[in-house]
N, C-alpha and C. Protein backbone atom coordinates (compact mmCIF):
# COMPACT_ATOMS: atom_id res chain seq x y z
N MET A 1 -91.03 -46.41 0.16
CA MET A 1 -89.94 -46.01 1.08
C MET A 1 -89.55 -45.93 0.36
N ILE A 2 -88.60 -44.30 0.82
CA ILE A 2 -87.47 -44.33 0.38
C ILE A 2 -86.37 -43.91 0.93
N LYS A 3 -85.29 -44.73 0.29
CA LYS A 3 -84.05 -44.90 1.61
C LYS A 3 -83.33 -43.80 1.79
N TYR A 4 -83.03 -43.38 2.29
CA TYR A 4 -82.00 -41.71 2.67
C TYR A 4 -80.39 -41.53 1.99
N ARG A 5 -79.70 -41.56 0.61
CA ARG A 5 -78.47 -42.51 1.12
C ARG A 5 -77.80 -40.45 0.36
N PRO A 6 -77.10 -40.17 2.38
CA PRO A 6 -75.84 -39.15 1.30
C PRO A 6 -75.26 -39.63 0.17
N THR A 7 -74.96 -38.47 -0.06
CA THR A 7 -73.53 -38.49 -1.06
C THR A 7 -72.11 -38.94 -0.65
N LEU A 8 -71.49 -39.57 -1.71
CA LEU A 8 -69.92 -39.57 -0.59
C LEU A 8 -69.34 -37.94 0.05
N LEU A 9 -70.20 -37.02 -0.92
CA LEU A 9 -68.87 -35.39 -1.26
C LEU A 9 -70.35 -34.95 0.31
N PHE A 10 -71.42 -35.27 0.79
CA PHE A 10 -71.47 -35.01 1.88
C PHE A 10 -70.68 -35.69 3.37
N VAL A 11 -70.67 -36.73 3.11
CA VAL A 11 -70.03 -37.57 3.91
C VAL A 11 -68.84 -36.98 4.43
N SER A 12 -68.03 -36.64 3.23
CA SER A 12 -67.29 -36.39 2.90
C SER A 12 -66.45 -35.21 4.33
N PHE A 13 -67.31 -34.14 3.97
CA PHE A 13 -67.95 -33.14 4.51
C PHE A 13 -67.97 -33.42 5.87
N LEU A 14 -68.86 -34.19 6.52
CA LEU A 14 -68.79 -34.65 7.64
C LEU A 14 -67.45 -34.64 8.41
N GLN A 15 -66.81 -35.62 7.86
CA GLN A 15 -66.22 -36.65 8.97
C GLN A 15 -64.54 -35.29 8.04
N SER A 16 -65.29 -34.90 7.31
CA SER A 16 -63.81 -33.93 7.49
C SER A 16 -63.71 -32.11 8.63
N LEU A 17 -65.07 -31.92 8.75
CA LEU A 17 -65.26 -31.19 9.15
C LEU A 17 -65.73 -31.80 11.42
N GLY A 18 -65.56 -32.85 11.36
CA GLY A 18 -65.47 -33.35 12.46
C GLY A 18 -64.22 -33.77 12.99
N LEU A 19 -62.86 -34.21 12.05
CA LEU A 19 -61.92 -34.19 12.53
C LEU A 19 -61.01 -32.49 12.78
N PHE A 20 -61.82 -31.52 11.51
CA PHE A 20 -61.63 -29.69 11.63
C PHE A 20 -61.70 -29.82 13.85
N ILE A 21 -62.79 -29.95 13.96
CA ILE A 21 -63.66 -29.64 15.33
C ILE A 21 -63.04 -30.58 16.25
N TYR A 22 -62.67 -31.92 16.24
CA TYR A 22 -61.45 -32.38 17.56
C TYR A 22 -60.42 -32.23 16.96
N CYS A 23 -59.60 -31.55 16.05
CA CYS A 23 -58.36 -30.88 16.38
C CYS A 23 -58.27 -29.63 17.10
N SER A 24 -59.35 -29.27 16.78
CA SER A 24 -59.55 -28.08 17.20
C SER A 24 -59.45 -27.77 18.95
N LEU A 25 -60.79 -29.07 19.26
CA LEU A 25 -60.61 -28.86 20.36
C LEU A 25 -60.10 -29.07 21.55
N ILE A 26 -58.76 -30.39 20.96
CA ILE A 26 -57.46 -30.39 20.86
C ILE A 26 -56.05 -29.23 21.36
N GLY A 27 -56.66 -28.23 20.16
CA GLY A 27 -55.76 -27.20 19.89
C GLY A 27 -56.15 -26.43 21.20
N LEU A 28 -57.45 -26.23 21.83
CA LEU A 28 -57.08 -25.36 22.59
C LEU A 28 -57.18 -26.28 23.71
N PHE A 29 -57.19 -27.28 24.30
CA PHE A 29 -56.30 -27.67 25.33
C PHE A 29 -55.02 -27.82 25.95
N PHE A 30 -54.19 -27.81 24.44
CA PHE A 30 -53.00 -28.22 24.64
C PHE A 30 -52.43 -25.84 24.88
N SER A 31 -53.74 -25.66 23.95
CA SER A 31 -53.12 -23.69 23.95
C SER A 31 -53.52 -24.18 26.39
N ASN A 32 -53.85 -24.36 26.47
CA ASN A 32 -54.35 -23.91 28.00
C ASN A 32 -53.86 -25.26 29.26
N ALA A 33 -52.63 -25.97 28.46
CA ALA A 33 -52.90 -27.11 29.21
C ALA A 33 -51.19 -26.95 30.64
N ASP A 34 -50.72 -25.55 30.22
CA ASP A 34 -50.06 -24.59 31.46
C ASP A 34 -50.61 -24.71 32.52
N HIS A 35 -52.20 -23.73 32.49
CA HIS A 35 -53.12 -23.40 33.59
C HIS A 35 -53.37 -24.81 34.49
N LEU A 36 -53.66 -25.98 33.59
CA LEU A 36 -54.22 -27.61 34.33
C LEU A 36 -53.31 -27.63 34.93
N PHE A 37 -51.76 -28.00 34.08
CA PHE A 37 -51.27 -29.46 34.15
C PHE A 37 -49.60 -28.06 35.77
N GLY A 38 -49.78 -27.02 34.98
CA GLY A 38 -48.11 -26.11 35.17
C GLY A 38 -47.34 -26.08 34.37
N SER A 39 -46.53 -25.40 33.95
CA SER A 39 -45.67 -25.43 33.33
C SER A 39 -44.36 -26.07 33.71
N ALA A 40 -44.17 -27.26 34.70
CA ALA A 40 -42.90 -27.93 34.07
C ALA A 40 -43.32 -29.29 34.24
N PRO A 41 -42.62 -29.84 33.72
CA PRO A 41 -42.66 -31.34 33.09
C PRO A 41 -42.46 -32.24 34.24
N ASN A 42 -43.14 -33.03 34.17
CA ASN A 42 -43.15 -34.11 35.39
C ASN A 42 -43.92 -35.59 34.59
N LEU A 43 -43.74 -36.62 35.40
CA LEU A 43 -43.84 -38.06 34.98
C LEU A 43 -45.59 -37.80 34.69
N PHE A 44 -46.58 -37.10 35.43
CA PHE A 44 -48.22 -37.69 35.15
C PHE A 44 -48.20 -36.41 33.33
N GLY A 45 -47.40 -35.93 33.53
CA GLY A 45 -48.00 -34.96 32.49
C GLY A 45 -47.58 -35.61 31.06
N LEU A 46 -46.01 -36.46 30.58
CA LEU A 46 -46.15 -36.69 29.96
C LEU A 46 -46.80 -37.62 29.55
N ALA A 47 -47.24 -38.33 30.95
CA ALA A 47 -48.18 -39.91 30.76
C ALA A 47 -49.47 -39.68 30.10
N ALA A 48 -49.73 -38.09 30.45
CA ALA A 48 -51.22 -38.12 30.04
C ALA A 48 -51.40 -37.57 28.59
N PHE A 49 -49.81 -36.36 28.05
CA PHE A 49 -49.74 -36.26 26.65
C PHE A 49 -49.51 -37.00 25.89
N PHE A 50 -48.98 -38.20 26.06
CA PHE A 50 -49.17 -39.39 25.57
C PHE A 50 -49.93 -40.29 25.52
N THR A 51 -50.39 -40.61 26.63
CA THR A 51 -52.06 -41.10 26.64
C THR A 51 -52.88 -40.65 25.16
N LEU A 52 -52.87 -38.69 25.75
CA LEU A 52 -53.83 -38.64 24.33
C LEU A 52 -53.84 -38.77 23.60
N PHE A 53 -52.10 -38.73 23.42
CA PHE A 53 -51.66 -38.25 21.72
C PHE A 53 -52.43 -40.68 21.27
N VAL A 54 -52.30 -41.10 21.89
CA VAL A 54 -52.64 -42.32 20.39
C VAL A 54 -53.74 -42.65 20.33
N VAL A 55 -55.10 -42.25 21.70
CA VAL A 55 -56.26 -41.96 22.07
C VAL A 55 -56.62 -41.22 21.08
N SER A 56 -55.89 -39.80 20.82
CA SER A 56 -56.17 -38.38 19.42
C SER A 56 -55.99 -39.58 17.72
N ALA A 57 -54.90 -40.62 18.29
CA ALA A 57 -54.23 -41.42 16.53
C ALA A 57 -56.05 -42.21 16.43
N VAL A 58 -56.50 -42.57 17.86
CA VAL A 58 -57.29 -43.46 17.22
C VAL A 58 -59.02 -43.18 16.64
N ILE A 59 -59.11 -41.48 17.68
CA ILE A 59 -60.43 -41.29 17.06
C ILE A 59 -60.28 -40.38 15.70
N CYS A 60 -58.61 -40.18 15.18
CA CYS A 60 -58.69 -39.28 14.36
C CYS A 60 -58.62 -41.05 13.00
N ALA A 61 -58.48 -41.66 13.63
CA ALA A 61 -58.32 -42.67 12.25
C ALA A 61 -59.78 -42.77 12.23
N LEU A 62 -60.54 -43.28 13.52
CA LEU A 62 -61.92 -43.51 13.31
C LEU A 62 -63.43 -42.29 12.59
N LEU A 63 -62.15 -41.60 12.82
CA LEU A 63 -62.69 -40.30 12.15
C LEU A 63 -62.88 -40.72 10.68
N TYR A 64 -61.43 -39.92 10.15
CA TYR A 64 -61.23 -39.86 8.56
C TYR A 64 -61.73 -41.70 8.47
N LEU A 65 -61.61 -42.66 9.02
CA LEU A 65 -61.33 -44.25 8.02
C LEU A 65 -62.76 -45.11 8.33
N GLY A 66 -63.61 -44.69 8.83
CA GLY A 66 -64.23 -45.33 9.85
C GLY A 66 -65.41 -45.94 8.62
N TYR A 67 -65.79 -44.59 7.86
CA TYR A 67 -67.37 -44.94 6.85
C TYR A 67 -66.30 -45.68 5.72
N ALA A 68 -65.26 -44.87 5.43
CA ALA A 68 -65.09 -46.12 4.26
C ALA A 68 -64.06 -47.55 4.16
N PHE A 69 -63.45 -47.59 5.31
CA PHE A 69 -63.75 -49.34 6.12
C PHE A 69 -64.80 -50.12 6.18
N TRP A 70 -65.80 -49.29 6.51
CA TRP A 70 -67.46 -49.84 6.18
C TRP A 70 -67.62 -50.62 4.89
N LEU A 71 -67.65 -49.69 4.40
CA LEU A 71 -67.53 -49.00 2.79
C LEU A 71 -67.15 -50.48 2.13
N PHE A 72 -65.87 -50.13 2.65
CA PHE A 72 -64.94 -51.25 1.68
C PHE A 72 -65.45 -52.86 2.36
N TRP A 73 -65.19 -53.69 3.66
CA TRP A 73 -65.24 -54.01 4.29
C TRP A 73 -66.81 -55.31 3.71
N GLU A 74 -67.35 -54.34 4.82
CA GLU A 74 -69.45 -55.02 4.59
C GLU A 74 -69.91 -54.54 3.14
N GLN A 75 -69.46 -53.67 2.70
CA GLN A 75 -70.44 -53.56 1.25
C GLN A 75 -69.40 -53.63 0.59
N LYS A 76 -68.60 -54.21 0.29
CA LYS A 76 -67.62 -54.52 -0.76
C LYS A 76 -67.60 -53.21 -1.52
N GLN A 77 -67.71 -52.47 -1.27
CA GLN A 77 -67.42 -51.35 -2.41
C GLN A 77 -66.32 -50.44 -2.45
N THR A 78 -65.35 -50.86 -3.11
CA THR A 78 -64.04 -50.63 -3.01
C THR A 78 -63.54 -49.33 -3.71
N ALA A 79 -64.35 -49.12 -5.07
CA ALA A 79 -63.78 -47.94 -5.60
C ALA A 79 -64.99 -46.48 -4.96
N ARG A 80 -65.79 -46.94 -3.74
CA ARG A 80 -66.66 -46.00 -3.24
C ARG A 80 -66.23 -45.35 -2.02
N ALA A 81 -65.01 -46.26 -1.66
CA ALA A 81 -64.87 -46.43 -0.21
C ALA A 81 -62.71 -44.98 -0.47
N ILE A 82 -62.12 -46.06 -1.69
CA ILE A 82 -61.24 -45.13 -2.00
C ILE A 82 -61.83 -43.61 -2.70
N HIS A 83 -62.97 -43.18 -3.14
CA HIS A 83 -63.51 -42.61 -3.46
C HIS A 83 -63.59 -41.19 -2.51
N LEU A 84 -64.36 -41.76 -0.94
CA LEU A 84 -64.47 -41.30 0.02
C LEU A 84 -63.63 -40.27 1.07
N ILE A 85 -61.82 -41.36 1.09
CA ILE A 85 -61.02 -40.76 0.88
C ILE A 85 -60.27 -39.95 0.61
N ILE A 86 -60.52 -40.31 -0.75
CA ILE A 86 -59.92 -38.82 -1.28
C ILE A 86 -60.69 -37.49 -1.22
N LEU A 87 -61.89 -37.83 -1.49
CA LEU A 87 -63.27 -36.63 -1.13
C LEU A 87 -62.39 -35.89 0.47
N THR A 88 -62.18 -36.88 1.31
CA THR A 88 -62.31 -36.37 2.43
C THR A 88 -60.56 -35.72 2.98
N THR A 89 -59.46 -36.34 2.16
CA THR A 89 -58.35 -35.72 1.76
C THR A 89 -58.61 -34.41 1.31
N PHE A 90 -59.43 -33.91 0.54
CA PHE A 90 -59.28 -33.06 -0.14
C PHE A 90 -60.55 -31.49 0.18
N TRP A 91 -60.81 -32.47 1.16
CA TRP A 91 -61.72 -31.29 2.28
C TRP A 91 -60.31 -31.12 3.60
N ASN A 92 -60.41 -32.11 3.87
CA ASN A 92 -58.98 -31.81 4.89
C ASN A 92 -58.18 -30.64 4.64
N ILE A 93 -57.29 -30.66 3.30
CA ILE A 93 -56.75 -29.67 2.32
C ILE A 93 -57.35 -28.33 2.37
N PHE A 94 -58.72 -27.97 2.17
CA PHE A 94 -59.57 -27.50 2.44
C PHE A 94 -59.73 -26.53 3.56
N TYR A 95 -59.35 -27.54 4.34
CA TYR A 95 -59.82 -26.75 6.35
C TYR A 95 -58.10 -26.55 6.59
N ILE A 96 -56.99 -26.97 5.99
CA ILE A 96 -55.98 -26.61 6.35
C ILE A 96 -55.33 -25.18 5.60
N LEU A 97 -55.77 -24.97 4.24
CA LEU A 97 -55.57 -23.62 3.52
C LEU A 97 -56.38 -22.76 4.10
N PHE A 98 -57.65 -22.69 4.75
CA PHE A 98 -58.55 -21.41 5.48
C PHE A 98 -57.85 -21.19 6.68
N ILE A 99 -57.26 -22.21 7.30
CA ILE A 99 -56.50 -22.07 7.92
C ILE A 99 -55.30 -20.57 8.37
N LEU A 100 -55.14 -20.87 7.14
CA LEU A 100 -53.48 -20.79 6.67
C LEU A 100 -53.75 -19.45 6.54
N LEU A 101 -54.20 -19.10 5.31
CA LEU A 101 -55.37 -17.52 5.20
C LEU A 101 -55.92 -16.91 6.06
N ARG A 102 -55.91 -18.26 7.19
CA ARG A 102 -57.36 -17.02 8.25
C ARG A 102 -55.51 -16.23 8.72
N ILE A 103 -54.97 -17.23 9.38
CA ILE A 103 -53.71 -17.00 10.47
C ILE A 103 -52.59 -15.25 9.48
N VAL A 104 -52.51 -15.62 8.17
CA VAL A 104 -51.66 -14.30 7.05
C VAL A 104 -52.55 -13.47 7.63
N TRP A 105 -54.39 -13.28 7.51
CA TRP A 105 -54.98 -11.84 7.52
C TRP A 105 -54.88 -11.36 8.60
N VAL A 106 -55.01 -12.88 9.78
CA VAL A 106 -54.82 -11.65 11.12
C VAL A 106 -53.67 -10.98 11.36
N ASN A 107 -52.65 -11.46 11.26
CA ASN A 107 -51.01 -11.08 11.14
C ASN A 107 -51.08 -9.99 10.14
N SER A 108 -51.80 -10.00 8.96
CA SER A 108 -51.45 -8.84 7.75
C SER A 108 -52.53 -7.52 8.62
N TYR A 109 -53.78 -8.06 9.48
CA TYR A 109 -54.17 -6.58 9.40
C TYR A 109 -54.79 -6.91 11.54
N PRO A 110 -53.69 -6.68 11.82
CA PRO A 110 -53.68 -6.79 13.35
C PRO A 110 -54.96 -5.58 13.44
N LEU A 111 -55.43 -5.61 14.90
CA LEU A 111 -57.03 -5.14 15.55
C LEU A 111 -55.98 -3.15 16.12
């Protein structure tokens, strides 16, 4: 039986893509937050913001470091875990550059 073992490049791409999609959904939520909560700050709105902030930090850490931690802790593959974190970081830099270039392009050529 052949076991499929995805490459670190592919795993890092998926991790970074998941992080990009999650952050995009949070950004979409915040862009519509005034419609949901109103524009005046109140205790519940601030509590919801900080709770979402903490939960988002945990989700992002799991997406970014979860598999690398498993490689390090369970599989004792420290070099692969570090390599995965580096590759994921490069994919995240790619997404940041893509977003910035998209913003510049949209602002340069308005419809």
